[in-house]
Structure formats: C-alpha cells, structure tokens
C-alpha cells in the first residue's frame, strides 16, 4: 500500500489522514468476527459474575477489549504487515513499536459518547505514562460510521494549535471521562464506510458521539509508537507493549511475530 503526498501532508499539517479501503473485504470480515467473539466472551463473563461493570466495560453499553490478537492470531497478520509498516514510515518514521490494540464497541445507548481528549493525554493523566513523543493511532471503522452511530469528530491542529503539545486532562464526573478541551469548536465529523482507516497523532483532539441506532458500532484501534516510553513509576517498566514493527529503518516483523 502506497500513501500519497496529499495524505502525508494532511498528517503532518492537520494531524490526521484518511485511507479508504485500508482493510479489504476479507480482512474486514476477519476483524469483525474476532470483535464479535470477544464481545460475546466478555458479556458471558460479566453475566456469569452477576456484574454490570468491569473496568471501563459497561454491560449492554460499551466494551473496550485489549490484546485481542492473542486469542485471534489472524489479527496479528494485519497488525504486523506490509501496509502497517508503510503507514508508519509515512507518518512517524523509521522506527515503530506496537503500543496497543483494542476493540471499542458501542451498543445503542445515549451515554456512550466520549469527550474531547488526546490519546497521549489519557496515557499520561489517567494511565500513568511518562510524558512522551506523539505516537500513531490507527482508528479502523468496522461498520459504516455516521453521526447516528457515534462516529468520531476530530479537531485539526491548525484550528487549535496548543494541541500540538500535550494538554492537561482532568476528570469530569459529568461526562464520566477525562477531558482535554472545553472550547466551542465542534470539530469535523468523520463519516466513512467500513474498512476505512483514520490515522492520527496521539496529540490530536478527538471525541465521539453516542450510538443511537439499533446496531452495535464497532471500531478497531491499533497504535504504534516511535519510542518505547516508561510509566511515571519507572519501576513498572515500559508503558507500551513494545513488539517491534520497524527499527532504524529495518523491518522487524514476520508472520511469526
């Protein structure tokens, strides 16, 4: 997969770029099936325990599922691939490690919106990461994304230049989330078909709305970092997962990962 100059320029200047058909039809079905299995498993687990909340998962509302590739090896073939390598080279450079991968699924519920935030802001102010260079977030639409089902909105860097640096995030009980921006700019709504990738800087402000449709809204996040940064408590070691994709321009992944 080749990324053109317009896309590269958009990432550098605006903080994001959009890639249509990043997943082909076969890959899209693989990822969807893996997502559905993981949701089914976590729902069964929560119901068997008689609980409605588990971490940040809320039964019948929203699910955040990390490291699904461990139980679904075909996901690793997408995470570690020629196209993700090309994407990282076009955005964050010649070194890239896996930072995180996560399914985010919103069921029909008015309280599934998410406030303005930077991914790096969440990492530092909620996750305990040390301050770090921006990493790459890859948001992949597994369903056609619209305002109705709670797609994301982004705030391009030129419209709020302070976001090129790490912003302070604070917890809001009102929205039950960390918040990094309270300004009046509504941002740009990202309405895209399934299989589309939105690649953005971990410092780009973004938010998402509630899913008001009758179907789940499924997204897949893969993040790559150019540096392996630590927890604020350095005794906890590396914050990122750290699997190498590229190091100093050399391909480090293989089908065995």
Protein backbone atom coordinates (compact mmCIF):
# COMPACT_ATOMS: atom_id res chain seq x y z
CA UNK A 1 0.00 0.00 0.00
CA UNK A 2 1.29 3.43 -1.01
CA UNK A 3 0.40 6.64 0.78
CA UNK A 4 0.40 9.72 -1.42
CA UNK A 5 1.83 13.14 -0.74
CA UNK A 6 -1.58 14.65 -0.03
CA UNK A 7 -2.16 12.10 2.74
CA UNK A 8 1.31 12.63 4.19
CA UNK A 9 0.87 16.40 4.15
CA UNK A 10 -2.51 16.08 5.85
CA UNK A 11 -0.97 14.04 8.67
CA UNK A 12 1.90 16.50 9.15
CA UNK A 13 -0.14 19.70 8.97
CA UNK A 14 -3.61 18.68 10.11
CA UNK A 15 -2.66 15.84 12.47
CA UNK A 16 -4.56 13.11 10.64
CA UNK A 17 -5.13 11.40 7.32
CA UNK A 18 -7.91 9.19 5.94
CA UNK A 19 -7.25 6.00 3.99
CA UNK A 20 -10.20 4.42 2.20
CA UNK A 21 -10.36 0.60 1.98
CA UNK A 22 -7.43 0.09 4.32
CA UNK A 23 -8.96 -3.30 5.08
CA UNK A 24 -10.12 -5.35 2.12
CA UNK A 25 -13.36 -7.32 2.34
CA UNK A 26 -11.67 -10.49 3.58
CA UNK A 27 -9.69 -8.66 6.26
CA UNK A 28 -12.76 -6.72 7.33
CA UNK A 29 -14.70 -9.93 7.93
CA UNK A 30 -11.77 -11.43 9.88
CA UNK A 31 -11.64 -8.43 12.19
CA UNK A 32 -15.41 -8.22 12.57
CA UNK A 33 -15.66 -11.90 13.53
CA UNK A 34 -12.86 -11.51 16.06
CA UNK A 35 -14.58 -8.47 17.53
CA UNK A 36 -17.92 -10.25 17.83
CA UNK A 37 -16.28 -13.23 19.54
CA UNK A 38 -14.53 -11.02 22.05
CA UNK A 39 -17.72 -9.13 22.87
CA UNK A 40 -19.64 -12.39 23.27
CA UNK A 41 -16.96 -13.67 25.65
CA UNK A 42 -16.87 -10.58 27.84
CA UNK A 43 -20.67 -10.39 28.00
CA UNK A 44 -20.82 -14.04 29.09
CA UNK A 45 -18.13 -13.44 31.71
CA UNK A 46 -19.85 -10.38 33.18
CA UNK A 47 -23.23 -12.09 33.29
CA UNK A 48 -21.78 -15.19 34.92
CA UNK A 49 -20.32 -12.96 37.64
CA UNK A 50 -23.55 -11.01 38.01
CA UNK A 51 -21.83 -7.67 37.36
CA UNK A 52 -22.75 -4.74 35.13
CA UNK A 53 -19.34 -3.06 35.13
CA UNK A 54 -15.86 -4.49 34.73
CA UNK A 55 -13.11 -1.93 34.47
CA UNK A 56 -14.34 0.52 31.84
CA UNK A 57 -16.68 -2.03 30.28
CA UNK A 58 -20.39 -1.47 30.93
CA UNK A 59 -22.75 -4.34 30.18
CA UNK A 60 -25.02 -3.70 27.17
CA UNK A 61 -23.50 -0.24 26.70
CA UNK A 62 -19.83 -0.22 25.75
CA UNK A 63 -16.87 -2.58 25.61
CA UNK A 64 -13.12 -1.91 25.41
CA UNK A 65 -11.20 -5.09 24.65
CA UNK A 66 -7.40 -5.07 24.60
CA UNK A 67 -4.93 -7.56 23.12
CA UNK A 68 -7.49 -9.48 21.09
CA UNK A 69 -4.70 -10.68 18.78
CA UNK A 70 -3.60 -13.12 21.49
CA UNK A 71 -6.77 -15.18 21.07
CA UNK A 72 -7.20 -14.25 17.40
CA UNK A 73 -3.85 -14.78 15.62
CA UNK A 74 -5.20 -13.58 12.26
CA UNK A 75 -5.39 -10.09 13.76
CA UNK A 76 -1.62 -10.15 14.20
CA UNK A 77 -1.27 -10.69 10.46
CA UNK A 78 -2.99 -7.34 9.97
CA UNK A 79 -1.20 -5.51 12.78
CA UNK A 80 2.20 -6.71 11.56
CA UNK A 81 2.01 -6.33 7.80
CA UNK A 82 3.47 -4.53 4.83
CA UNK A 83 0.72 -1.93 4.87
CA UNK A 84 1.08 -1.05 8.55
CA UNK A 85 4.82 -0.80 8.00
CA UNK A 86 4.25 1.55 5.06
CA UNK A 87 1.78 3.56 7.13
CA UNK A 88 4.25 4.02 9.98
CA UNK A 89 7.04 5.03 7.60
CA UNK A 90 4.70 7.64 6.09
CA UNK A 91 3.72 9.09 9.46
CA UNK A 92 6.05 8.50 12.42
CA UNK A 93 9.23 7.47 10.63
CA UNK A 94 11.70 4.61 10.53
CA UNK A 95 11.09 3.12 13.98
CA UNK A 96 7.74 1.81 15.17
CA UNK A 97 6.69 -0.48 18.01
CA UNK A 98 3.22 -1.75 18.80
CA UNK A 99 1.81 0.46 21.52
CA UNK A 100 -1.66 -1.01 21.94
CA UNK A 101 -4.54 -2.66 20.12
CA UNK A 102 -8.15 -2.52 21.20
CA UNK A 103 -11.71 -3.12 20.07
CA UNK A 104 -14.16 -0.39 21.03
CA UNK A 105 -17.81 -1.35 20.69
CA UNK A 106 -20.74 0.93 21.43
CA UNK A 107 -24.15 -0.58 21.90
CA UNK A 108 -27.30 1.50 21.48
CA UNK A 109 -27.17 3.91 24.41
CA UNK A 110 -27.23 7.66 24.86
CA UNK A 111 -24.38 7.60 27.38
CA UNK A 112 -21.77 6.10 25.05
CA UNK A 113 -20.34 9.43 23.92
CA UNK A 114 -16.71 10.31 24.67
CA UNK A 115 -15.37 13.78 25.48
CA UNK A 116 -12.61 15.72 23.72
CA UNK A 117 -9.24 14.19 24.53
CA UNK A 118 -5.78 13.37 23.25
CA UNK A 119 -4.75 9.73 23.41
CA UNK A 120 -1.44 10.87 24.90
CA UNK A 121 -3.39 12.93 27.42
CA UNK A 122 -5.26 9.84 28.57
CA UNK A 123 -2.00 7.89 28.74
CA UNK A 124 -0.31 10.47 30.97
CA UNK A 125 -3.15 11.80 33.13
CA UNK A 126 -5.17 8.61 33.50
CA UNK A 127 -2.93 5.71 32.54
CA UNK A 128 0.25 6.66 34.40
CA UNK A 129 2.53 7.02 31.39
CA UNK A 130 5.52 9.32 31.46
CA UNK A 131 5.39 12.28 29.04
CA UNK A 132 6.39 11.05 25.60
CA UNK A 133 6.73 11.86 21.93
CA UNK A 134 3.46 11.53 19.99
CA UNK A 135 2.57 8.09 18.73
CA UNK A 136 0.31 6.97 15.88
CA UNK A 137 -3.30 5.98 16.48
CA UNK A 138 -4.97 3.93 13.75
CA UNK A 139 -8.77 4.00 14.03
CA UNK A 140 -10.36 1.47 11.71
CA UNK A 141 -14.09 1.54 11.02
CA UNK A 142 -15.61 -1.94 11.19
CA UNK A 143 -19.06 -0.57 10.39
CA UNK A 144 -20.16 2.34 8.24
CA UNK A 145 -19.59 5.28 10.56
CA UNK A 146 -22.08 8.12 10.92
CA UNK A 147 -23.23 10.73 13.37
CA UNK A 148 -26.14 8.44 14.26
CA UNK A 149 -23.96 5.57 15.44
CA UNK A 150 -21.43 7.67 17.28
CA UNK A 151 -18.54 8.19 14.92
CA UNK A 152 -15.55 10.30 15.90
CA UNK A 153 -15.01 14.01 15.39
CA UNK A 154 -11.52 15.45 15.11
CA UNK A 155 -10.12 18.93 15.73
CA UNK A 156 -7.34 19.63 13.20
CA UNK A 157 -4.15 21.13 14.60
CA UNK A 158 -4.45 24.47 12.72
CA UNK A 159 -7.78 25.12 14.46
CA UNK A 160 -6.31 24.56 17.94
CA UNK A 161 -2.54 24.79 17.81
CA UNK A 162 -1.94 24.19 21.57
CA UNK A 163 -2.83 20.55 20.89
CA UNK A 164 0.47 20.06 19.09
CA UNK A 165 1.78 19.74 22.65
CA UNK A 166 0.47 17.61 25.48
CA UNK A 167 -2.61 19.20 27.03
CA UNK A 168 -3.59 18.84 30.66
CA UNK A 169 -6.55 16.47 31.05
CA UNK A 170 -8.91 16.47 34.02
CA UNK A 171 -11.61 14.04 35.08
CA UNK A 172 -15.22 15.14 34.62
CA UNK A 173 -17.91 13.36 36.61
CA UNK A 174 -20.48 14.96 34.33
CA UNK A 175 -19.28 13.04 31.26
CA UNK A 176 -17.52 10.24 33.16
CA UNK A 177 -14.30 10.78 31.22
CA UNK A 178 -11.03 12.68 31.02
CA UNK A 179 -11.41 15.98 29.19
CA UNK A 180 -8.66 17.85 27.37
CA UNK A 181 -10.64 20.58 25.60
CA UNK A 182 -13.74 22.61 26.51
CA UNK A 183 -13.75 25.06 23.62
CA UNK A 184 -16.55 25.93 21.22
CA UNK A 185 -15.18 24.38 18.03
CA UNK A 186 -17.41 21.36 17.22
CA UNK A 187 -14.66 19.70 15.21
CA UNK A 188 -15.04 17.81 11.94
CA UNK A 189 -17.33 14.79 11.88
CA UNK A 190 -15.72 11.71 10.30
CA UNK A 191 -18.37 9.77 8.38
CA UNK A 192 -16.70 6.94 6.48
CA UNK A 193 -17.51 3.45 5.17
CA UNK A 194 -16.41 0.25 6.88
CA UNK A 195 -12.79 -0.66 6.21
CA UNK A 196 -11.62 2.96 6.30
CA UNK A 197 -8.60 3.95 8.38
CA UNK A 198 -8.24 7.29 10.12
CA UNK A 199 -4.60 7.66 11.15
CA UNK A 200 -3.90 10.46 13.60
CA UNK A 201 -1.35 11.80 16.03
CA UNK A 202 -1.84 10.80 19.66
CA UNK A 203 -1.97 14.54 20.36
CA UNK A 204 -4.87 15.21 18.01
CA UNK A 205 -8.03 16.14 19.89
CA UNK A 206 -10.94 13.87 19.10
CA UNK A 207 -14.26 12.82 20.57
CA UNK A 208 -17.16 10.54 19.67
CA UNK A 209 -20.92 10.66 19.93
CA UNK A 210 -23.50 8.21 21.24
CA UNK A 211 -24.79 5.28 19.22
CA UNK A 212 -28.49 5.96 18.65
CA UNK A 213 -29.01 3.17 16.10
CA UNK A 214 -30.26 -0.37 16.70
CA UNK A 215 -26.92 -2.00 15.84
CA UNK A 216 -23.53 -2.09 17.59
CA UNK A 217 -20.89 0.35 16.37
CA UNK A 218 -17.55 -1.41 16.12
CA UNK A 219 -14.11 0.14 15.84
CA UNK A 220 -10.61 -1.30 15.96
CA UNK A 221 -7.70 0.72 17.31
CA UNK A 222 -4.06 -0.10 16.64
CA UNK A 223 -1.37 2.26 17.93
CA UNK A 224 2.34 2.39 17.07
CA UNK A 225 4.98 4.43 18.88
CA UNK A 226 8.38 5.62 17.60
CA UNK A 227 9.83 5.40 21.11
CA UNK A 228 9.38 2.97 23.98
CA UNK A 229 8.38 5.24 26.84
CA UNK A 230 8.09 4.38 30.51
CA UNK A 231 5.46 4.55 33.21
CA UNK A 232 5.76 7.56 35.51
CA UNK A 233 6.65 4.96 38.13
CA UNK A 234 9.73 3.70 36.32
CA UNK A 235 9.79 0.50 38.37
CA UNK A 236 6.81 -0.61 36.25
CA UNK A 237 8.96 -0.51 33.13
CA UNK A 238 7.86 0.12 29.55
CA UNK A 239 4.35 1.54 29.11
CA UNK A 240 3.90 0.34 25.53
CA UNK A 241 3.55 -3.29 24.51
CA UNK A 242 6.76 -2.90 22.55
CA UNK A 243 6.58 -5.51 19.78
CA UNK A 244 8.82 -4.15 17.00
CA UNK A 245 7.47 -3.39 13.54
CA UNK A 246 10.44 -1.33 12.27
CA UNK A 247 13.70 -0.39 13.97
CA UNK A 248 16.08 2.15 12.44
CA UNK A 249 14.54 1.58 9.03
CA UNK A 250 14.81 -2.21 9.17
CA UNK A 251 11.76 -4.45 9.01
CA UNK A 252 11.45 -6.39 12.27
CA UNK A 253 8.11 -8.15 11.92
CA UNK A 254 7.43 -11.53 10.40
CA UNK A 255 4.44 -13.82 10.16
CA UNK A 256 5.63 -15.49 13.37
CA UNK A 257 5.79 -12.02 15.09
